[in-house]
C-alpha atoms as a PDB file:
ATOM      1  CA  MET A   1    -160.258   6.594 100.517  1.00  0.00           C
ATOM      2  CA  PHE A   2    -159.492   7.707 104.060  1.00  0.00           C
ATOM      3  CA  ASP A   3    -158.495   4.337 105.541  1.00  0.00           C
ATOM      4  CA  GLN A   4    -154.832   5.327 105.848  1.00  0.00           C
ATOM      5  CA  ILE A   5    -155.508   8.628 107.619  1.00  0.00           C
ATOM      6  CA  PRO A   6    -155.222   8.465 111.436  1.00  0.00           C
ATOM      7  CA  ASP A   7    -158.555   8.750 113.225  1.00  0.00           C
ATOM      8  CA  GLU A   8    -157.298  11.738 115.198  1.00  0.00           C
ATOM      9  CA  ILE A   9    -156.673  13.694 111.999  1.00  0.00           C
ATOM     10  CA  ILE A  10    -160.114  12.765 110.637  1.00  0.00           C
ATOM     11  CA  ASN A  11    -161.782  13.916 113.863  1.00  0.00           C
ATOM     12  CA  ASP A  12    -159.871  17.202 113.877  1.00  0.00           C
ATOM     13  CA  MET A  13    -160.801  17.842 110.256  1.00  0.00           C
ATOM     14  CA  LEU A  14    -164.479  17.152 110.913  1.00  0.00           C
ATOM     15  CA  LYS A  15    -164.528  19.496 113.889  1.00  0.00           C
ATOM     16  CA  LYS A  16    -162.711  22.211 111.981  1.00  0.00           C
ATOM     17  CA  ALA A  17    -165.193  22.050 109.103  1.00  0.00           C
ATOM     18  CA  VAL A  18    -168.279  22.008 111.347  1.00  0.00           C
ATOM     19  CA  TYR A  19    -167.101  24.482 113.991  1.00  0.00           C
ATOM     20  CA  GLN A  20    -165.737  27.120 111.589  1.00  0.00           C
ATOM     21  CA  GLN A  21    -167.421  30.520 112.141  1.00  0.00           C
ATOM     22  CA  PHE A  22    -169.923  28.813 114.419  1.00  0.00           C
ATOM     23  CA  PHE A  23    -168.846  27.001 117.592  1.00  0.00           C
ATOM     24  CA  MET A  24    -166.350  28.173 120.205  1.00  0.00           C
ATOM     25  CA  GLY A  25    -166.614  25.271 122.660  1.00  0.00           C
ATOM     26  CA  ASN A  26    -168.314  25.138 126.077  1.00  0.00           C
ATOM     27  CA  ASP A  27    -171.773  25.521 124.484  1.00  0.00           C
ATOM     28  CA  LYS A  28    -170.853  28.943 123.123  1.00  0.00           C
ATOM     29  CA  ILE A  29    -171.652  29.958 119.558  1.00  0.00           C
ATOM     30  CA  MET A  30    -170.543  32.923 117.489  1.00  0.00           C
ATOM     31  CA  GLY A  31    -172.296  34.765 114.713  1.00  0.00           C
ATOM     32  CA  ARG A  32    -171.003  35.424 111.240  1.00  0.00           C
ATOM     33  CA  MET A  33    -168.981  38.121 112.954  1.00  0.00           C
ATOM     34  CA  PRO A  34    -166.782  36.490 115.649  1.00  0.00           C
ATOM     35  CA  GLN A  35    -167.369  39.324 118.120  1.00  0.00           C
ATOM     36  CA  ASN A  36    -171.057  38.317 118.338  1.00  0.00           C
ATOM     37  CA  THR A  37    -171.364  35.396 120.753  1.00  0.00           C
ATOM     38  CA  MET A  38    -173.968  33.739 122.963  1.00  0.00           C
ATOM     39  CA  HIS A  39    -174.339  30.686 125.175  1.00  0.00           C
ATOM     40  CA  PHE A  40    -176.568  27.939 123.782  1.00  0.00           C
ATOM     41  CA  LYS A  41    -177.255  24.985 126.063  1.00  0.00           C
ATOM     42  CA  ASP A  42    -176.391  21.513 124.727  1.00  0.00           C
ATOM     43  CA  ILE A  43    -175.191  22.697 121.314  1.00  0.00           C
ATOM     44  CA  GLY A  44    -171.902  20.851 121.861  1.00  0.00           C
ATOM     45  CA  SER A  45    -173.661  17.501 122.251  1.00  0.00           C
ATOM     46  CA  LEU A  46    -175.797  18.175 119.159  1.00  0.00           C
ATOM     47  CA  LEU A  47    -172.694  18.886 117.097  1.00  0.00           C
ATOM     48  CA  ASP A  48    -171.134  15.645 118.352  1.00  0.00           C
ATOM     49  CA  ILE A  49    -174.148  13.781 116.939  1.00  0.00           C
ATOM     50  CA  PHE A  50    -173.862  15.610 113.625  1.00  0.00           C
ATOM     51  CA  ILE A  51    -170.133  14.933 113.334  1.00  0.00           C
ATOM     52  CA  ALA A  52    -170.676  11.237 114.106  1.00  0.00           C
ATOM     53  CA  ASN A  53    -173.290  11.130 111.346  1.00  0.00           C
ATOM     54  CA  ILE A  54    -170.864  12.678 108.856  1.00  0.00           C
ATOM     55  CA  LYS A  55    -168.086  10.303 109.905  1.00  0.00           C
ATOM     56  CA  LYS A  56    -170.324   7.285 109.351  1.00  0.00           C
ATOM     57  CA  ASN A  57    -170.717   8.343 105.711  1.00  0.00           C
ATOM     58  CA  LEU A  58    -167.137   9.406 104.938  1.00  0.00           C
ATOM     59  CA  HIS A  59    -166.537   6.290 102.837  1.00  0.00           C
ATOM     60  CA  LEU A  60    -168.815   7.944 100.246  1.00  0.00           C
ATOM     61  CA  VAL A  61    -166.613  11.045  99.864  1.00  0.00           C
ATOM     62  CA  ASN A  62    -165.093  10.284  96.469  1.00  0.00           C
ATOM     63  CA  PRO A  63    -166.019  11.020  92.841  1.00  0.00           C
ATOM     64  CA  ASP A  64    -167.828   7.689  92.372  1.00  0.00           C
ATOM     65  CA  ASN A  65    -170.047   7.964  95.447  1.00  0.00           C
ATOM     66  CA  LEU A  66    -170.457  11.716  95.908  1.00  0.00           C
ATOM     67  CA  ASP A  67    -174.127  11.598  94.885  1.00  0.00           C
ATOM     68  CA  ALA A  68    -174.864   9.006  97.575  1.00  0.00           C
ATOM     69  CA  PHE A  69    -173.038  11.121 100.189  1.00  0.00           C
ATOM     70  CA  LEU A  70    -175.001  14.253  99.334  1.00  0.00           C
ATOM     71  CA  ASN A  71    -178.275  12.340  98.936  1.00  0.00           C
ATOM     72  CA  HIS A  72    -177.928  11.290 102.562  1.00  0.00           C
ATOM     73  CA  PHE A  73    -177.812  14.904 103.728  1.00  0.00           C
ATOM     74  CA  GLU A  74    -180.531  16.001 101.326  1.00  0.00           C
ATOM     75  CA  LYS A  75    -182.844  13.486 103.003  1.00  0.00           C
ATOM     76  CA  LEU A  76    -181.626  14.303 106.503  1.00  0.00           C
ATOM     77  CA  PHE A  77    -182.104  18.065 106.134  1.00  0.00           C
ATOM     78  CA  GLU A  78    -184.816  18.055 103.429  1.00  0.00           C
ATOM     79  CA  LEU A  79    -182.695  20.381 101.297  1.00  0.00           C
ATOM     80  CA  ASP A  80    -181.615  20.555  97.669  1.00  0.00           C
ATOM     81  CA  LEU A  81    -177.824  20.244  97.599  1.00  0.00           C
ATOM     82  CA  SER A  82    -177.435  20.387  93.824  1.00  0.00           C
ATOM     83  CA  GLU A  83    -175.270  23.508  94.178  1.00  0.00           C
ATOM     84  CA  THR A  84    -172.857  21.615  96.433  1.00  0.00           C
ATOM     85  CA  ARG A  85    -172.873  18.689  94.023  1.00  0.00           C
ATOM     86  CA  THR A  86    -171.996  20.912  91.054  1.00  0.00           C
ATOM     87  CA  ARG A  87    -169.234  22.787  92.861  1.00  0.00           C
ATOM     88  CA  VAL A  88    -167.600  19.675  94.317  1.00  0.00           C
ATOM     89  CA  LYS A  89    -167.650  17.788  91.006  1.00  0.00           C
ATOM     90  CA  SER A  90    -166.074  20.806  89.327  1.00  0.00           C
ATOM     91  CA  ASN A  91    -163.343  20.831  91.977  1.00  0.00           C
ATOM     92  CA  PHE A  92    -162.758  17.100  91.500  1.00  0.00           C
ATOM     93  CA  ARG A  93    -162.196  17.654  87.779  1.00  0.00           C
ATOM     94  CA  GLU A  94    -159.768  20.501  88.433  1.00  0.00           C
ATOM     95  CA  MET A  95    -157.813  18.443  90.979  1.00  0.00           C
ATOM     96  CA  GLY A  96    -157.281  15.518  88.593  1.00  0.00           C
ATOM     97  CA  ASP A  97    -155.634  12.544  90.311  1.00  0.00           C
ATOM     98  CA  LEU A  98    -156.873  12.579  93.910  1.00  0.00           C
ATOM     99  CA  GLU A  99    -154.325  10.101  95.248  1.00  0.00           C
ATOM    100  CA  GLY A 100    -152.374  11.720  98.061  1.00  0.00           C
ATOM    101  CA  GLN A 101    -154.903  14.556  98.325  1.00  0.00           C
ATOM    102  CA  GLU A 102    -157.283  12.843 100.731  1.00  0.00           C
ATOM    103  CA  ILE A 103    -157.155  15.561 103.404  1.00  0.00           C
ATOM    104  CA  VAL A 104    -157.715  18.298 100.820  1.00  0.00           C
ATOM    105  CA  VAL A 105    -160.637  16.361  99.312  1.00  0.00           C
ATOM    106  CA  LEU A 106    -162.260  15.787 102.685  1.00  0.00           C
ATOM    107  CA  TYR A 107    -161.975  19.391 103.808  1.00  0.00           C
ATOM    108  CA  MET A 108    -163.180  20.733 100.458  1.00  0.00           C
ATOM    109  CA  VAL A 109    -166.279  18.523 100.396  1.00  0.00           C
ATOM    110  CA  LEU A 110    -167.184  19.249 104.011  1.00  0.00           C
ATOM    111  CA  THR A 111    -166.758  23.017 103.742  1.00  0.00           C
ATOM    112  CA  LYS A 112    -168.841  23.156 100.545  1.00  0.00           C
ATOM    113  CA  LEU A 113    -171.525  21.059 102.250  1.00  0.00           C
ATOM    114  CA  MET A 114    -171.547  23.235 105.364  1.00  0.00           C
ATOM    115  CA  GLU A 115    -171.698  26.488 103.392  1.00  0.00           C
ATOM    116  CA  ASN A 116    -174.727  25.352 101.406  1.00  0.00           C
ATOM    117  CA  VAL A 117    -176.592  23.787 104.327  1.00  0.00           C
ATOM    118  CA  ARG A 118    -176.093  26.811 106.585  1.00  0.00           C
ATOM    119  CA  GLU A 119    -177.116  29.256 103.869  1.00  0.00           C
ATOM    120  CA  GLN A 120    -180.315  27.321 103.128  1.00  0.00           C
ATOM    121  CA  ALA A 121    -181.100  27.022 106.843  1.00  0.00           C
ATOM    122  CA  TYR A 122    -180.821  30.805 107.138  1.00  0.00           C
ATOM    123  CA  ILE A 123    -183.130  31.314 104.146  1.00  0.00           C
ATOM    124  CA  ARG A 124    -185.674  28.855 105.550  1.00  0.00           C
ATOM    125  CA  TYR A 125    -185.764  30.042 109.155  1.00  0.00           C
ATOM    126  CA  GLY A 126    -184.324  33.547 108.921  1.00  0.00           C
ATOM    127  CA  SER A 127    -184.515  35.725 105.825  1.00  0.00           C
ATOM    128  CA  ASN A 128    -187.882  34.479 104.537  1.00  0.00           C
ATOM    129  CA  ARG A 129    -189.425  35.040 107.950  1.00  0.00           C
ATOM    130  CA  ILE A 130    -187.840  38.490 108.315  1.00  0.00           C
ATOM    131  CA  LYS A 131    -189.463  39.617 105.074  1.00  0.00           C
ATOM    132  CA  ARG A 132    -192.849  38.135 105.965  1.00  0.00           C
ATOM    133  CA  GLU A 133    -192.973  39.510 109.517  1.00  0.00           C
ATOM    134  CA  TYR A 134    -191.600  42.905 108.504  1.00  0.00           C
ATOM    135  CA  GLU A 135    -194.494  43.318 106.067  1.00  0.00           C
ATOM    136  CA  GLU A 136    -197.027  42.075 108.628  1.00  0.00           C
ATOM    137  CA  LYS A 137    -195.825  44.378 111.405  1.00  0.00           C
ATOM    138  CA  THR A 138    -195.184  47.520 109.358  1.00  0.00           C
ATOM    139  CA  GLN A 139    -197.885  47.065 106.710  1.00  0.00           C
ATOM    140  CA  LYS A 140    -195.218  48.057 104.196  1.00  0.00           C
ATOM    141  CA  LYS A 141    -193.452  46.183 101.416  1.00  0.00           C
ATOM    142  CA  PHE A 142    -190.009  44.745 102.084  1.00  0.00           C
ATOM    143  CA  THR A 143    -188.384  46.848  99.388  1.00  0.00           C
ATOM    144  CA  LYS A 144    -185.017  46.650  97.701  1.00  0.00           C
ATOM    145  CA  LYS A 145    -183.957  49.585  99.869  1.00  0.00           C
ATOM    146  CA  THR A 146    -184.945  47.691 103.031  1.00  0.00           C
ATOM    147  CA  LYS A 147    -183.019  44.632 101.850  1.00  0.00           C
ATOM    148  CA  GLU A 148    -179.949  46.763 101.149  1.00  0.00           C
ATOM    149  CA  TYR A 149    -180.179  48.306 104.613  1.00  0.00           C
ATOM    150  CA  MET A 150    -180.385  44.835 106.163  1.00  0.00           C
ATOM    151  CA  GLN A 151    -177.303  43.791 104.174  1.00  0.00           C
ATOM    152  CA  GLN A 152    -175.549  46.893 105.456  1.00  0.00           C
ATOM    153  CA  LEU A 153    -176.414  45.889 109.024  1.00  0.00           C
ATOM    154  CA  GLY A 154    -174.911  42.473 108.358  1.00  0.00           C
ATOM    155  CA  ALA A 155    -171.737  43.949 106.915  1.00  0.00           C
ATOM    156  CA  THR A 156    -171.253  46.169 109.956  1.00  0.00           C
ATOM    157  CA  GLY A 157    -171.646  43.305 112.439  1.00  0.00           C
ATOM    158  CA  ASP A 158    -175.246  43.675 113.614  1.00  0.00           C
ATOM    159  CA  SER A 159    -175.428  41.139 116.445  1.00  0.00           C
ATOM    160  CA  SER A 160    -179.014  40.025 115.804  1.00  0.00           C
ATOM    161  CA  LEU A 161    -178.442  39.314 112.121  1.00  0.00           C
ATOM    162  CA  SER A 162    -175.014  37.815 112.747  1.00  0.00           C
ATOM    163  CA  LEU A 163    -176.303  35.308 115.310  1.00  0.00           C
ATOM    164  CA  LEU A 164    -179.497  34.581 113.379  1.00  0.00           C
ATOM    165  CA  TYR A 165    -177.444  32.875 110.676  1.00  0.00           C
ATOM    166  CA  ASN A 166    -176.117  30.209 113.044  1.00  0.00           C
ATOM    167  CA  LEU A 167    -179.265  29.969 115.157  1.00  0.00           C
ATOM    168  CA  SER A 168    -181.050  28.944 111.962  1.00  0.00           C
ATOM    169  CA  PHE A 169    -178.486  26.188 111.455  1.00  0.00           C
ATOM    170  CA  ILE A 170    -178.997  25.000 115.041  1.00  0.00           C
ATOM    171  CA  ARG A 171    -182.735  24.789 114.457  1.00  0.00           C
ATOM    172  CA  LEU A 172    -182.176  22.731 111.308  1.00  0.00           C
ATOM    173  CA  LEU A 173    -179.830  20.333 113.116  1.00  0.00           C
ATOM    174  CA  ALA A 174    -182.145  19.978 116.112  1.00  0.00           C
ATOM    175  CA  SER A 175    -185.123  19.287 113.868  1.00  0.00           C
ATOM    176  CA  SER A 176    -183.198  16.756 111.776  1.00  0.00           C
ATOM    177  CA  PHE A 177    -181.935  14.827 114.813  1.00  0.00           C
ATOM    178  CA  ASN A 178    -185.206  15.179 116.765  1.00  0.00           C
ATOM    179  CA  LYS A 179    -183.714  17.170 119.654  1.00  0.00           C
ATOM    180  CA  LYS A 180    -186.913  18.931 120.650  1.00  0.00           C
ATOM    181  CA  ARG A 181    -185.587  20.903 123.625  1.00  0.00           C
ATOM    182  CA  ILE A 182    -182.767  22.367 121.545  1.00  0.00           C
ATOM    183  CA  GLN A 183    -185.186  23.031 118.698  1.00  0.00           C
ATOM    184  CA  THR A 184    -187.564  24.901 121.024  1.00  0.00           C
ATOM    185  CA  ASN A 185    -184.711  27.009 122.364  1.00  0.00           C
ATOM    186  CA  ALA A 186    -183.532  27.764 118.818  1.00  0.00           C
ATOM    187  CA  LYS A 187    -187.037  28.822 117.778  1.00  0.00           C
ATOM    188  CA  ARG A 188    -187.262  31.146 120.775  1.00  0.00           C
ATOM    189  CA  GLN A 189    -183.879  32.714 120.116  1.00  0.00           C
ATOM    190  CA  ILE A 190    -184.630  33.118 116.399  1.00  0.00           C
ATOM    191  CA  THR A 191    -187.893  34.904 117.210  1.00  0.00           C
ATOM    192  CA  ARG A 192    -186.061  37.229 119.576  1.00  0.00           C
ATOM    193  CA  LYS A 193    -183.360  38.082 117.036  1.00  0.00           C
ATOM    194  CA  ILE A 194    -185.880  38.632 114.232  1.00  0.00           C
ATOM    195  CA  ASN A 195    -187.933  40.984 116.427  1.00  0.00           C
ATOM    196  CA  GLU A 196    -184.794  42.939 117.310  1.00  0.00           C
ATOM    197  CA  LEU A 197    -183.849  43.161 113.664  1.00  0.00           C
ATOM    198  CA  ILE A 198    -187.297  44.259 112.481  1.00  0.00           C
ATOM    199  CA  ASN A 199    -187.277  47.037 115.063  1.00  0.00           C
ATOM    200  CA  ARG A 200    -184.066  48.310 113.489  1.00  0.00           C
ATOM    201  CA  LEU A 201    -185.501  47.993 109.982  1.00  0.00           C
ATOM    202  CA  LYS A 202    -188.757  49.816 110.715  1.00  0.00           C
ATOM    203  CA  PRO A 203    -189.139  53.040 108.705  1.00  0.00           C
END
């Protein structure tokens, strides 16, 4: 489907989809809020590996082979991507004839994939752990009020919560591609950000 698209355009599209609200170049990441940034050693090389993996499977990005494309990443990340599958198939139906829309198709599929993977990484390594450790350290329930306060912190650009979202994604990538040094660093940074956040959430 993408045979006629110049390789340079494909590469730019892949980088745009993967880097969006995440990577600033020179091993520097941002949080969900762009003003929150930090240096993270070797993240650029890890993203190169991830992008190469996506590119190797681009021939599957079409209505007939979408399941195979998403199955690959479900196995790689050990995630359920049924939400991505449903949303992309719905978009395919709405778009009708895809001829001449290759760039739009590619960007749509990749952004939907990235949104779902990053959100599930945050749930796995971030929000579930915040709740568990908050209750352990405070001996109090993580109430609806506490959750709402945490959401308020996120909306106002709390640096710990903002960066935790993408640090969780880094940990998932490092684990999936067996980059143990990066994974160890991600674990350490996640622990630091969660501790900072819990201190702000304490009653």
